[in-house]
Every structure is written in structure tokens, then in C-alpha cells.
Amino acid sequence: MSIRRSKRLCRHKPMSLSSSNRAGLPLSINRRRNVAPLLISHRKTNMTSHPGPELEARLALAEKIAREAGAKALDYFKRRETLVIETKRDPQDVVSIADRDVEKLIRTRVSEIFPQDGFLGEEYGLNEGTSGYTWVVDPIDGTSPFVNGMPNWCVSIAVLKDGEPVIGVIQAPCFDELYASAKGLGATLDGKKLVLDPSRTIRNSVTGIGANNYVTPQLVAKIVEDLLEAGGTFIRNGSGALMIAYVAAGRLVGYYEPYMHAWDCMAGFCLVREAGGYAHPFPVDGEKLTKGNKVFVAAPGAVDDLKKVAGL
């Protein structure tokens, strides 16, 4: 696809970028050996409690960084024919300089304001902090759609406080959309409050299904078969983080992926929870913080049916 044609996929012009630090980051990873257990589950949001200035400051920064990172990624997207594409585990698991540069930008911006915070990114791994806050980032979730000229990709930024996702921001550059949430503040899409409709079920809505090379084709086929037999239908767009955001926005009634990493889902978990949805318990302790787990989120009216489909 030519660059001229690719512009039709994106409805806005790239935002101007401030000069960013392009200096390479050290590739050494300070991996955590003893990570406090993280159990993420659905809980009612206490809208009467004040989140505090520390959380509000990080939310504002996360939104600002997401916009800047999204603009940088979008610039790469518009000239993706020039990118050198590399593979990770197999030919379907791809990465480019765009992923790495966007993560470097996010790391730099966070360290400028909150140098004591920890940081976990898909491309450069985990660096521990001392503040109790850890940023969990996928610079470009949906790299495969990205390098193939499709708009279904996003920048995903979460902030964990003592193991719980308390901030979730997802920016979808090709759609010019910003999803933002923080514990106790609710969830928004471009500033509009998100509240899930309990009347939506798998039989009158669409469910998102994720798959990757960590799971067998037989398992994915069984999930799809059970969903269709239950009266539902499904979609997969190549970005799990973006599809979880769609659950928070009410575009999808649920999302299930048998294996997903923390950087792909933590921002979405906060979004769905703050919109009134359900997030299945997600234990992240020890090496599970970087190795991943099952991910299941749903609107209130679809939880029971989708749990059966997922075998949970």
C-alpha cells in the first residue's frame, strides 16, 4: 500500500512533536525476582473517594505522553515502507524501530517527571522503582496491523500502584481517540464518560476474541464454536489492548484471550472496571508479571455467558 493511500486510514494529521530523546536505552533488564502478588478483579468504583494528587498527576502525564507517543507512532505508520521489520518468537511476532523508539520516548517522559517510578515495557523489559508506582506500557499494540497498513493499533499506558492498575490510558492514533481512566475517577473516551449498558448480552452484541502463538488452534476453534453455539458472534482486529478499550466503550460486549501479557491488558483492565464492567482475576506474581495469563473482560450482562464460553 502506498503512503498516499495509507492517509485514508487515518482521519487526522499527525500532531507536531517536541524534540525527543533519541539516545538509546540500555538493553539490560532489571528483572524482578520477588513481585508482590497482583490479583485484578471486578470491583465497584468508589466515586466518593478522592484519588489524591499523586494519582491525578500521573493520569495527566499519561494522557499527555499517550498523545505524543501516538503522534510519533503515526508518523512512522505513514512511512512504514521504510521500516526494517524484525521477528521475535516466530514470523507472526514482529517488531520495528517504531516500537522501540516510541517506548524510549515514553520511558524518557516518565523518568523526567517521576524518576522514582518503576517501568515495564514490552521492548525493554522491567526496571524497578521505589515509589510503589509502576508504569506498564505497550508502545504499539497491534504491530502486525501497523506494519501491514491497517489502522487497528494503539499506544497502551497503565500505571500500577502496589500491584493494582489504577490508571489506564489507550490512544488510537488512526481514529484520533483517547481512552482514559483512573481509580475513583471513572473512564472516558475523548472526555465523554463511559458507562456500560447492563442490557447488552452476547446475543445482541459482538464479542472480541484474541489468539496468538502461545495457544493452540484447537483451543481457539473451541472458543469460537462455543460462542457461536451460544448465540453470539465475534471479531478479532489484531490489537487486544484496543479491543479491551472497545469493551469499556460498549462497542464490544466482552473480550477473551487465553494468553496475554501485562503490557497488553493492564490499561484496559482499569478502563473496563471504571466503566462498570468485569475483569476476571489476573494473578501476576514472580515471573508471571512478564510471562502473561488469561484475559477476560465483559459488560455486566455478558459475564456469565462468556465465562462459560471461556471455560472459566
C-alpha atoms as a PDB file:
ATOM      1  CA  MET A   1       0.000   0.000   0.000  1.00  0.00           C
ATOM      2  CA  SER A   2       1.397   3.410  -0.939  1.00  0.00           C
ATOM      3  CA  ILE A   3       1.828   6.176   1.578  1.00  0.00           C
ATOM      4  CA  ARG A   4      -0.684   8.261  -0.362  1.00  0.00           C
ATOM      5  CA  ARG A   5      -3.337   5.568   0.098  1.00  0.00           C
ATOM      6  CA  SER A   6      -2.433   4.995   3.721  1.00  0.00           C
ATOM      7  CA  LYS A   7      -3.524   8.522   4.632  1.00  0.00           C
ATOM      8  CA  ARG A   8      -7.128   7.481   4.101  1.00  0.00           C
ATOM      9  CA  LEU A   9      -6.857   5.158   7.044  1.00  0.00           C
ATOM     10  CA  CYS A  10      -6.160   7.990   9.479  1.00  0.00           C
ATOM     11  CA  ARG A  11      -8.670  10.746   9.979  1.00  0.00           C
ATOM     12  CA  HIS A  12      -6.350  13.389  11.334  1.00  0.00           C
ATOM     13  CA  LYS A  13      -2.981  14.902  10.646  1.00  0.00           C
ATOM     14  CA  PRO A  14      -0.075  13.944  12.877  1.00  0.00           C
ATOM     15  CA  MET A  15       0.378  16.221  15.848  1.00  0.00           C
ATOM     16  CA  SER A  16       3.617  18.142  15.999  1.00  0.00           C
ATOM     17  CA  LEU A  17       6.243  16.547  18.166  1.00  0.00           C
ATOM     18  CA  SER A  18       8.515  18.194  20.615  1.00  0.00           C
ATOM     19  CA  SER A  19      12.088  17.096  20.253  1.00  0.00           C
ATOM     20  CA  SER A  20      12.519  13.747  21.957  1.00  0.00           C
ATOM     21  CA  ASN A  21      15.499  11.995  23.400  1.00  0.00           C
ATOM     22  CA  ARG A  22      16.540   9.501  20.781  1.00  0.00           C
ATOM     23  CA  ALA A  23      19.529   8.276  22.696  1.00  0.00           C
ATOM     24  CA  GLY A  24      19.491   4.517  23.033  1.00  0.00           C
ATOM     25  CA  LEU A  25      18.425   2.974  26.290  1.00  0.00           C
ATOM     26  CA  PRO A  26      20.472   0.280  27.970  1.00  0.00           C
ATOM     27  CA  LEU A  27      19.126  -3.073  26.985  1.00  0.00           C
ATOM     28  CA  SER A  28      19.895  -4.686  30.311  1.00  0.00           C
ATOM     29  CA  ILE A  29      16.739  -5.631  32.137  1.00  0.00           C
ATOM     30  CA  ASN A  30      16.471  -5.413  35.873  1.00  0.00           C
ATOM     31  CA  ARG A  31      14.040  -8.256  36.295  1.00  0.00           C
ATOM     32  CA  ARG A  32      12.075  -8.530  39.473  1.00  0.00           C
ATOM     33  CA  ARG A  33      12.572 -11.734  41.438  1.00  0.00           C
ATOM     34  CA  ASN A  34      10.033 -11.230  44.165  1.00  0.00           C
ATOM     35  CA  VAL A  35       6.970  -9.417  42.884  1.00  0.00           C
ATOM     36  CA  ALA A  36       4.057  -8.920  45.223  1.00  0.00           C
ATOM     37  CA  PRO A  37       1.019 -10.910  44.073  1.00  0.00           C
ATOM     38  CA  LEU A  38      -1.368  -8.980  41.879  1.00  0.00           C
ATOM     39  CA  LEU A  39      -4.985 -10.074  41.741  1.00  0.00           C
ATOM     40  CA  ILE A  40      -7.112  -7.944  39.479  1.00  0.00           C
ATOM     41  CA  SER A  41     -10.837  -8.462  39.701  1.00  0.00           C
ATOM     42  CA  HIS A  42     -14.044  -6.559  39.163  1.00  0.00           C
ATOM     43  CA  ARG A  43     -14.946  -4.190  41.942  1.00  0.00           C
ATOM     44  CA  LYS A  44     -17.366  -1.314  42.268  1.00  0.00           C
ATOM     45  CA  THR A  45     -15.786   2.084  41.861  1.00  0.00           C
ATOM     46  CA  ASN A  46     -15.986   4.324  44.908  1.00  0.00           C
ATOM     47  CA  MET A  47     -16.709   7.625  43.227  1.00  0.00           C
ATOM     48  CA  THR A  48     -16.831   9.435  46.578  1.00  0.00           C
ATOM     49  CA  SER A  49     -13.179   8.838  47.435  1.00  0.00           C
ATOM     50  CA  HIS A  50     -10.699  11.409  46.199  1.00  0.00           C
ATOM     51  CA  PRO A  51      -7.905   9.793  44.197  1.00  0.00           C
ATOM     52  CA  GLY A  52      -5.266  12.164  45.509  1.00  0.00           C
ATOM     53  CA  PRO A  53      -2.779  14.457  43.795  1.00  0.00           C
ATOM     54  CA  GLU A  54      -0.225  11.709  43.098  1.00  0.00           C
ATOM     55  CA  LEU A  55      -2.722   9.747  41.003  1.00  0.00           C
ATOM     56  CA  GLU A  56      -4.118  12.819  39.266  1.00  0.00           C
ATOM     57  CA  ALA A  57      -0.633  13.997  38.322  1.00  0.00           C
ATOM     58  CA  ARG A  58       0.229  10.635  36.808  1.00  0.00           C
ATOM     59  CA  LEU A  59      -3.074  10.477  34.930  1.00  0.00           C
ATOM     60  CA  ALA A  60      -2.436  13.892  33.394  1.00  0.00           C
ATOM     61  CA  LEU A  61       1.072  12.831  32.420  1.00  0.00           C
ATOM     62  CA  ALA A  62      -0.138   9.516  30.986  1.00  0.00           C
ATOM     63  CA  GLU A  63      -2.636  11.320  28.760  1.00  0.00           C
ATOM     64  CA  LYS A  64      -0.027  13.815  27.600  1.00  0.00           C
ATOM     65  CA  ILE A  65       2.517  11.094  26.873  1.00  0.00           C
ATOM     66  CA  ALA A  66      -0.063   8.954  25.070  1.00  0.00           C
ATOM     67  CA  ARG A  67      -0.833  11.790  22.674  1.00  0.00           C
ATOM     68  CA  GLU A  68       2.833  12.492  21.980  1.00  0.00           C
ATOM     69  CA  ALA A  69       3.677   8.805  21.609  1.00  0.00           C
ATOM     70  CA  GLY A  70       0.653   8.299  19.371  1.00  0.00           C
ATOM     71  CA  ALA A  71       1.773  11.130  17.108  1.00  0.00           C
ATOM     72  CA  LYS A  72       5.269   9.665  16.869  1.00  0.00           C
ATOM     73  CA  ALA A  73       3.894   6.214  16.072  1.00  0.00           C
ATOM     74  CA  LEU A  74       1.528   7.683  13.493  1.00  0.00           C
ATOM     75  CA  ASP A  75       4.431   9.387  11.753  1.00  0.00           C
ATOM     76  CA  TYR A  76       6.168   6.018  11.469  1.00  0.00           C
ATOM     77  CA  PHE A  77       2.912   4.442  10.250  1.00  0.00           C
ATOM     78  CA  LYS A  78       2.672   6.890   7.376  1.00  0.00           C
ATOM     79  CA  ARG A  79       6.167   5.936   6.209  1.00  0.00           C
ATOM     80  CA  ARG A  80       6.114   2.297   7.262  1.00  0.00           C
ATOM     81  CA  GLU A  81       7.533   1.147   3.909  1.00  0.00           C
ATOM     82  CA  THR A  82      10.896   2.446   5.143  1.00  0.00           C
ATOM     83  CA  LEU A  83      10.869   0.367   8.341  1.00  0.00           C
ATOM     84  CA  VAL A  84      13.009  -2.714   8.806  1.00  0.00           C
ATOM     85  CA  ILE A  85      10.751  -5.418  10.231  1.00  0.00           C
ATOM     86  CA  GLU A  86      12.233  -7.999  12.578  1.00  0.00           C
ATOM     87  CA  THR A  87      10.707 -11.138  14.066  1.00  0.00           C
ATOM     88  CA  LYS A  88      10.711 -12.341  17.672  1.00  0.00           C
ATOM     89  CA  ARG A  89       9.381 -15.811  18.510  1.00  0.00           C
ATOM     90  CA  ASP A  90       8.086 -16.568  15.010  1.00  0.00           C
ATOM     91  CA  PRO A  91       7.285 -14.823  11.687  1.00  0.00           C
ATOM     92  CA  GLN A  92       3.942 -13.556  13.049  1.00  0.00           C
ATOM     93  CA  ASP A  93       5.557 -11.887  16.095  1.00  0.00           C
ATOM     94  CA  VAL A  94       7.073  -8.750  14.602  1.00  0.00           C
ATOM     95  CA  VAL A  95       8.800  -5.607  15.835  1.00  0.00           C
ATOM     96  CA  SER A  96      10.261  -2.498  14.217  1.00  0.00           C
ATOM     97  CA  ILE A  97      12.239   0.590  15.135  1.00  0.00           C
ATOM     98  CA  ALA A  98       8.879   2.312  15.610  1.00  0.00           C
ATOM     99  CA  ASP A  99       8.062   0.103  18.619  1.00  0.00           C
ATOM    100  CA  ARG A 100      11.458   0.724  20.180  1.00  0.00           C
ATOM    101  CA  ASP A 101      11.573   4.477  19.577  1.00  0.00           C
ATOM    102  CA  VAL A 102       8.062   5.016  20.917  1.00  0.00           C
ATOM    103  CA  GLU A 103       8.885   3.067  24.075  1.00  0.00           C
ATOM    104  CA  LYS A 104      12.093   5.087  24.509  1.00  0.00           C
ATOM    105  CA  LEU A 105      10.052   8.272  24.263  1.00  0.00           C
ATOM    106  CA  ILE A 106       7.569   7.093  26.897  1.00  0.00           C
ATOM    107  CA  ARG A 107      10.335   5.951  29.246  1.00  0.00           C
ATOM    108  CA  THR A 108      12.107   9.281  28.889  1.00  0.00           C
ATOM    109  CA  ARG A 109       8.987  11.339  29.562  1.00  0.00           C
ATOM    110  CA  VAL A 110       8.100   9.304  32.664  1.00  0.00           C
ATOM    111  CA  SER A 111      11.633   9.436  34.080  1.00  0.00           C
ATOM    112  CA  GLU A 112      11.756  13.217  33.626  1.00  0.00           C
ATOM    113  CA  ILE A 113       8.801  13.728  35.985  1.00  0.00           C
ATOM    114  CA  PHE A 114       8.709  10.576  38.123  1.00  0.00           C
ATOM    115  CA  PRO A 115      12.225   9.116  38.166  1.00  0.00           C
ATOM    116  CA  GLN A 116      11.394   7.011  41.220  1.00  0.00           C
ATOM    117  CA  ASP A 117       8.594   5.097  39.432  1.00  0.00           C
ATOM    118  CA  GLY A 118       9.135   1.608  38.052  1.00  0.00           C
ATOM    119  CA  PHE A 119       8.659   0.851  34.365  1.00  0.00           C
ATOM    120  CA  LEU A 120       7.738  -2.314  32.450  1.00  0.00           C
ATOM    121  CA  GLY A 121       7.673  -2.102  28.661  1.00  0.00           C
ATOM    122  CA  GLU A 122       7.300  -4.765  26.009  1.00  0.00           C
ATOM    123  CA  GLU A 123      10.520  -3.887  24.206  1.00  0.00           C
ATOM    124  CA  TYR A 124      12.975  -3.097  27.038  1.00  0.00           C
ATOM    125  CA  GLY A 125      11.590  -5.027  29.990  1.00  0.00           C
ATOM    126  CA  LEU A 126      11.336  -4.172  33.675  1.00  0.00           C
ATOM    127  CA  ASN A 127      13.141  -1.562  35.743  1.00  0.00           C
ATOM    128  CA  GLU A 128      12.093  -1.431  39.370  1.00  0.00           C
ATOM    129  CA  GLY A 129      11.188   1.764  41.158  1.00  0.00           C
ATOM    130  CA  THR A 130      10.933   2.868  44.768  1.00  0.00           C
ATOM    131  CA  SER A 131       7.665   4.842  44.785  1.00  0.00           C
ATOM    132  CA  GLY A 132       5.217   1.938  44.669  1.00  0.00           C
ATOM    133  CA  TYR A 133       4.084   3.036  41.196  1.00  0.00           C
ATOM    134  CA  THR A 134       4.977   1.060  38.069  1.00  0.00           C
ATOM    135  CA  TRP A 135       4.218   2.119  34.506  1.00  0.00           C
ATOM    136  CA  VAL A 136       3.250  -0.797  32.250  1.00  0.00           C
ATOM    137  CA  VAL A 137       3.454   0.070  28.568  1.00  0.00           C
ATOM    138  CA  ASP A 138       2.983  -1.387  25.121  1.00  0.00           C
ATOM    139  CA  PRO A 139       4.297   1.299  22.748  1.00  0.00           C
ATOM    140  CA  ILE A 140       2.443  -0.144  19.751  1.00  0.00           C
ATOM    141  CA  ASP A 141      -0.087  -2.869  20.487  1.00  0.00           C
ATOM    142  CA  GLY A 142      -1.043  -4.377  17.165  1.00  0.00           C
ATOM    143  CA  THR A 143       2.330  -4.242  15.424  1.00  0.00           C
ATOM    144  CA  SER A 144       1.159  -6.715  12.788  1.00  0.00           C
ATOM    145  CA  PRO A 145      -1.737  -4.471  11.642  1.00  0.00           C
ATOM    146  CA  PHE A 146       0.631  -1.495  11.956  1.00  0.00           C
ATOM    147  CA  VAL A 147       3.299  -2.820   9.570  1.00  0.00           C
ATOM    148  CA  ASN A 148       0.641  -4.096   7.154  1.00  0.00           C
ATOM    149  CA  GLY A 149      -1.098  -0.732   6.804  1.00  0.00           C
ATOM    150  CA  MET A 150      -4.202  -1.382   8.909  1.00  0.00           C
ATOM    151  CA  PRO A 151      -5.432   1.153  11.488  1.00  0.00           C
ATOM    152  CA  ASN A 152      -6.152  -1.277  14.342  1.00  0.00           C
ATOM    153  CA  TRP A 153      -3.250  -0.480  16.668  1.00  0.00           C
ATOM    154  CA  CYS A 154      -2.772   1.709  19.708  1.00  0.00           C
ATOM    155  CA  VAL A 155      -0.483   3.031  22.416  1.00  0.00           C
ATOM    156  CA  SER A 156      -1.296   1.421  25.775  1.00  0.00           C
ATOM    157  CA  ILE A 157      -0.158   3.005  29.049  1.00  0.00           C
ATOM    158  CA  ALA A 158      -1.082   1.733  32.512  1.00  0.00           C
ATOM    159  CA  VAL A 159       0.114   2.718  35.957  1.00  0.00           C
ATOM    160  CA  LEU A 160       0.083   0.183  38.786  1.00  0.00           C
ATOM    161  CA  LYS A 161       0.081   1.157  42.444  1.00  0.00           C
ATOM    162  CA  ASP A 162       1.355  -1.618  44.690  1.00  0.00           C
ATOM    163  CA  GLY A 163       0.331  -4.141  42.031  1.00  0.00           C
ATOM    164  CA  GLU A 164      -3.116  -2.754  41.133  1.00  0.00           C
ATOM    165  CA  PRO A 165      -3.826  -0.943  37.843  1.00  0.00           C
ATOM    166  CA  VAL A 166      -5.004   2.497  38.953  1.00  0.00           C
ATOM    167  CA  ILE A 167      -4.536   4.326  35.635  1.00  0.00           C
ATOM    168  CA  GLY A 168      -5.324   3.145  32.129  1.00  0.00           C
ATOM    169  CA  VAL A 169      -4.822   5.259  29.008  1.00  0.00           C
ATOM    170  CA  ILE A 170      -5.111   3.983  25.435  1.00  0.00           C
ATOM    171  CA  GLN A 171      -4.569   6.198  22.409  1.00  0.00           C
ATOM    172  CA  ALA A 172      -5.705   5.046  18.962  1.00  0.00           C
ATOM    173  CA  PRO A 173      -3.915   7.413  16.552  1.00  0.00           C
ATOM    174  CA  CYS A 174      -5.636   6.381  13.324  1.00  0.00           C
ATOM    175  CA  PHE A 175      -9.043   7.046  14.891  1.00  0.00           C
ATOM    176  CA  ASP A 176      -7.917  10.105  16.882  1.00  0.00           C
ATOM    177  CA  GLU A 177      -9.381   8.609  20.075  1.00  0.00           C
ATOM    178  CA  LEU A 178      -8.107   8.803  23.636  1.00  0.00           C
ATOM    179  CA  TYR A 179      -9.447   6.420  26.277  1.00  0.00           C
ATOM    180  CA  ALA A 180      -8.555   7.435  29.829  1.00  0.00           C
ATOM    181  CA  SER A 181      -9.345   6.121  33.295  1.00  0.00           C
ATOM    182  CA  ALA A 182      -8.158   6.271  36.874  1.00  0.00           C
ATOM    183  CA  LYS A 183      -9.329   4.533  40.012  1.00  0.00           C
ATOM    184  CA  GLY A 184     -12.180   6.531  41.502  1.00  0.00           C
ATOM    185  CA  LEU A 185     -12.430   8.898  38.528  1.00  0.00           C
ATOM    186  CA  GLY A 186     -14.305   6.703  36.045  1.00  0.00           C
ATOM    187  CA  ALA A 187     -13.484   6.130  32.388  1.00  0.00           C
ATOM    188  CA  THR A 188     -13.794   8.474  29.422  1.00  0.00           C
ATOM    189  CA  LEU A 189     -13.470   8.457  25.656  1.00  0.00           C
ATOM    190  CA  ASP A 190     -12.287  11.851  24.412  1.00  0.00           C
ATOM    191  CA  GLY A 191     -13.608  13.343  27.642  1.00  0.00           C
ATOM    192  CA  LYS A 192     -17.042  11.690  27.469  1.00  0.00           C
ATOM    193  CA  LYS A 193     -17.910   9.476  30.431  1.00  0.00           C
ATOM    194  CA  LEU A 194     -18.208   5.758  29.701  1.00  0.00           C
ATOM    195  CA  VAL A 195     -20.932   3.749  31.458  1.00  0.00           C
ATOM    196  CA  LEU A 196     -21.693   0.201  30.339  1.00  0.00           C
ATOM    197  CA  ASP A 197     -25.239  -0.878  29.496  1.00  0.00           C
ATOM    198  CA  PRO A 198     -26.317  -3.950  31.531  1.00  0.00           C
ATOM    199  CA  SER A 199     -28.868  -4.955  28.875  1.00  0.00           C
ATOM    200  CA  ARG A 200     -26.150  -5.870  26.374  1.00  0.00           C
ATOM    201  CA  THR A 201     -25.564  -9.641  26.085  1.00  0.00           C
ATOM    202  CA  ILE A 202     -23.629 -11.958  23.796  1.00  0.00           C
ATOM    203  CA  ARG A 203     -26.825 -12.498  21.786  1.00  0.00           C
ATOM    204  CA  ASN A 204     -27.389  -8.850  20.891  1.00  0.00           C
ATOM    205  CA  SER A 205     -23.776  -7.661  20.731  1.00  0.00           C
ATOM    206  CA  VAL A 206     -20.330  -8.570  19.420  1.00  0.00           C
ATOM    207  CA  THR A 207     -17.578 -10.290  21.401  1.00  0.00           C
ATOM    208  CA  GLY A 208     -13.855  -9.886  20.821  1.00  0.00           C
ATOM    209  CA  ILE A 209     -11.653 -12.987  20.663  1.00  0.00           C
ATOM    210  CA  GLY A 210      -7.868 -12.916  20.771  1.00  0.00           C
ATOM    211  CA  ALA A 211      -5.357 -15.524  19.655  1.00  0.00           C
ATOM    212  CA  ASN A 212      -1.609 -15.802  19.340  1.00  0.00           C
ATOM    213  CA  ASN A 213       1.167 -18.344  19.034  1.00  0.00           C
ATOM    214  CA  TYR A 214       1.061 -19.133  22.751  1.00  0.00           C
ATOM    215  CA  VAL A 215      -2.183 -21.098  22.334  1.00  0.00           C
ATOM    216  CA  THR A 216      -3.203 -23.966  20.077  1.00  0.00           C
ATOM    217  CA  PRO A 217      -5.504 -23.616  17.065  1.00  0.00           C
ATOM    218  CA  GLN A 218      -7.743 -26.257  18.627  1.00  0.00           C
ATOM    219  CA  LEU A 219      -8.313 -24.123  21.722  1.00  0.00           C
ATOM    220  CA  VAL A 220      -9.202 -21.061  19.673  1.00  0.00           C
ATOM    221  CA  ALA A 221     -11.546 -23.112  17.486  1.00  0.00           C
ATOM    222  CA  LYS A 222     -13.349 -24.440  20.567  1.00  0.00           C
ATOM    223  CA  ILE A 223     -13.840 -20.931  21.964  1.00  0.00           C
ATOM    224  CA  VAL A 224     -15.295 -19.703  18.676  1.00  0.00           C
ATOM    225  CA  GLU A 225     -17.509 -22.775  18.346  1.00  0.00           C
ATOM    226  CA  ASP A 226     -18.917 -22.402  21.859  1.00  0.00           C
ATOM    227  CA  LEU A 227     -19.558 -18.687  21.355  1.00  0.00           C
ATOM    228  CA  LEU A 228     -21.437 -19.253  18.102  1.00  0.00           C
ATOM    229  CA  GLU A 229     -23.474 -22.082  19.610  1.00  0.00           C
ATOM    230  CA  ALA A 230     -24.443 -19.779  22.493  1.00  0.00           C
ATOM    231  CA  GLY A 231     -25.898 -17.288  20.021  1.00  0.00           C
ATOM    232  CA  GLY A 232     -23.001 -14.866  19.883  1.00  0.00           C
ATOM    233  CA  THR A 233     -20.712 -13.605  17.171  1.00  0.00           C
ATOM    234  CA  PHE A 234     -17.109 -12.440  17.286  1.00  0.00           C
ATOM    235  CA  ILE A 235     -14.440 -10.186  15.856  1.00  0.00           C
ATOM    236  CA  ARG A 236     -10.646 -10.032  16.043  1.00  0.00           C
ATOM    237  CA  ASN A 237      -8.808  -6.904  14.923  1.00  0.00           C
ATOM    238  CA  GLY A 238      -5.195  -7.671  15.851  1.00  0.00           C
ATOM    239  CA  SER A 239      -4.897  -5.429  18.922  1.00  0.00           C
ATOM    240  CA  GLY A 240      -6.018  -6.917  22.212  1.00  0.00           C
ATOM    241  CA  ALA A 241      -5.496  -3.641  24.066  1.00  0.00           C
ATOM    242  CA  LEU A 242      -7.721  -1.768  21.632  1.00  0.00           C
ATOM    243  CA  MET A 243     -10.446  -4.415  21.802  1.00  0.00           C
ATOM    244  CA  ILE A 244     -10.462  -4.215  25.608  1.00  0.00           C
ATOM    245  CA  ALA A 245     -10.895  -0.451  25.240  1.00  0.00           C
ATOM    246  CA  TYR A 246     -13.831  -1.202  22.943  1.00  0.00           C
ATOM    247  CA  VAL A 247     -15.419  -3.223  25.756  1.00  0.00           C
ATOM    248  CA  ALA A 248     -15.133  -0.200  28.051  1.00  0.00           C
ATOM    249  CA  ALA A 249     -16.730   1.936  25.329  1.00  0.00           C
ATOM    250  CA  GLY A 250     -19.618  -0.504  24.815  1.00  0.00           C
ATOM    251  CA  ARG A 251     -18.601  -1.353  21.255  1.00  0.00           C
ATOM    252  CA  LEU A 252     -17.855  -4.930  22.244  1.00  0.00           C
ATOM    253  CA  VAL A 253     -19.701  -6.794  24.976  1.00  0.00           C
ATOM    254  CA  GLY A 254     -16.637  -8.721  26.069  1.00  0.00           C
ATOM    255  CA  TYR A 255     -13.143  -9.853  25.203  1.00  0.00           C
ATOM    256  CA  TYR A 256     -11.310 -13.113  25.858  1.00  0.00           C
ATOM    257  CA  GLU A 257      -7.764 -14.142  25.054  1.00  0.00           C
ATOM    258  CA  PRO A 258      -6.257 -17.318  26.541  1.00  0.00           C
ATOM    259  CA  TYR A 259      -2.796 -15.780  26.931  1.00  0.00           C
ATOM    260  CA  MET A 260      -1.872 -12.119  27.155  1.00  0.00           C
ATOM    261  CA  HIS A 261       0.938 -10.058  28.653  1.00  0.00           C
ATOM    262  CA  ALA A 262       0.586  -7.381  31.310  1.00  0.00           C
ATOM    263  CA  TRP A 263       1.572  -4.583  28.925  1.00  0.00           C
ATOM    264  CA  ASP A 264      -1.279  -5.577  26.600  1.00  0.00           C
ATOM    265  CA  CYS A 265      -4.102  -5.582  29.146  1.00  0.00           C
ATOM    266  CA  MET A 266      -3.389  -3.525  32.276  1.00  0.00           C
ATOM    267  CA  ALA A 267      -4.609  -0.212  30.836  1.00  0.00           C
ATOM    268  CA  GLY A 268      -7.734  -1.900  29.519  1.00  0.00           C
ATOM    269  CA  PHE A 269      -8.462  -3.511  32.877  1.00  0.00           C
ATOM    270  CA  CYS A 270      -8.645  -0.100  34.525  1.00  0.00           C
ATOM    271  CA  LEU A 271     -10.835   1.248  31.716  1.00  0.00           C
ATOM    272  CA  VAL A 272     -13.350  -1.610  31.884  1.00  0.00           C
ATOM    273  CA  ARG A 273     -13.528  -1.628  35.662  1.00  0.00           C
ATOM    274  CA  GLU A 274     -14.087   2.136  35.843  1.00  0.00           C
ATOM    275  CA  ALA A 275     -16.812   1.906  33.171  1.00  0.00           C
ATOM    276  CA  GLY A 276     -18.692  -0.596  35.352  1.00  0.00           C
ATOM    277  CA  GLY A 277     -17.529  -3.819  33.732  1.00  0.00           C
ATOM    278  CA  TYR A 278     -15.966  -7.054  34.932  1.00  0.00           C
ATOM    279  CA  ALA A 279     -12.315  -8.075  34.851  1.00  0.00           C
ATOM    280  CA  HIS A 280     -11.529 -11.706  35.619  1.00  0.00           C
ATOM    281  CA  PRO A 281      -8.926 -12.276  38.358  1.00  0.00           C
ATOM    282  CA  PHE A 282      -5.464 -11.911  36.858  1.00  0.00           C
ATOM    283  CA  PRO A 283      -2.668 -13.094  39.168  1.00  0.00           C
ATOM    284  CA  VAL A 284       0.735 -11.621  38.415  1.00  0.00           C
ATOM    285  CA  ASP A 285       3.383 -12.787  40.830  1.00  0.00           C
ATOM    286  CA  GLY A 286       7.018 -13.595  40.228  1.00  0.00           C
ATOM    287  CA  GLU A 287       7.739 -14.348  36.599  1.00  0.00           C
ATOM    288  CA  LYS A 288       4.028 -14.095  35.686  1.00  0.00           C
ATOM    289  CA  LEU A 289       4.447 -10.330  35.598  1.00  0.00           C
ATOM    290  CA  THR A 290       6.348 -10.743  32.329  1.00  0.00           C
ATOM    291  CA  LYS A 291       5.010 -14.085  31.079  1.00  0.00           C
ATOM    292  CA  GLY A 292       1.294 -13.354  30.907  1.00  0.00           C
ATOM    293  CA  ASN A 293      -2.011 -15.028  31.712  1.00  0.00           C
ATOM    294  CA  LYS A 294      -5.635 -15.402  30.632  1.00  0.00           C
ATOM    295  CA  VAL A 295      -7.516 -12.167  29.998  1.00  0.00           C
ATOM    296  CA  PHE A 296     -11.287 -11.858  30.197  1.00  0.00           C
ATOM    297  CA  VAL A 297     -13.349  -8.679  30.482  1.00  0.00           C
ATOM    298  CA  ALA A 298     -17.058  -8.165  29.920  1.00  0.00           C
ATOM    299  CA  ALA A 299     -20.033  -5.875  30.284  1.00  0.00           C
ATOM    300  CA  PRO A 300     -22.310  -6.814  33.219  1.00  0.00           C
ATOM    301  CA  GLY A 301     -24.931  -8.574  31.088  1.00  0.00           C
ATOM    302  CA  ALA A 302     -22.438 -10.845  29.339  1.00  0.00           C
ATOM    303  CA  VAL A 303     -20.277 -12.054  32.211  1.00  0.00           C
ATOM    304  CA  ASP A 304     -21.933 -15.400  32.949  1.00  0.00           C
ATOM    305  CA  ASP A 305     -22.351 -16.480  29.324  1.00  0.00           C
ATOM    306  CA  LEU A 306     -18.817 -15.531  28.356  1.00  0.00           C
ATOM    307  CA  LYS A 307     -17.356 -17.261  31.396  1.00  0.00           C
ATOM    308  CA  LYS A 308     -18.920 -20.476  30.137  1.00  0.00           C
ATOM    309  CA  VAL A 309     -17.546 -19.894  26.650  1.00  0.00           C
ATOM    310  CA  ALA A 310     -14.083 -19.255  28.065  1.00  0.00           C
ATOM    311  CA  GLY A 311     -14.285 -22.208  30.433  1.00  0.00           C
ATOM    312  CA  LEU A 312     -13.659 -20.007  33.471  1.00  0.00           C
END
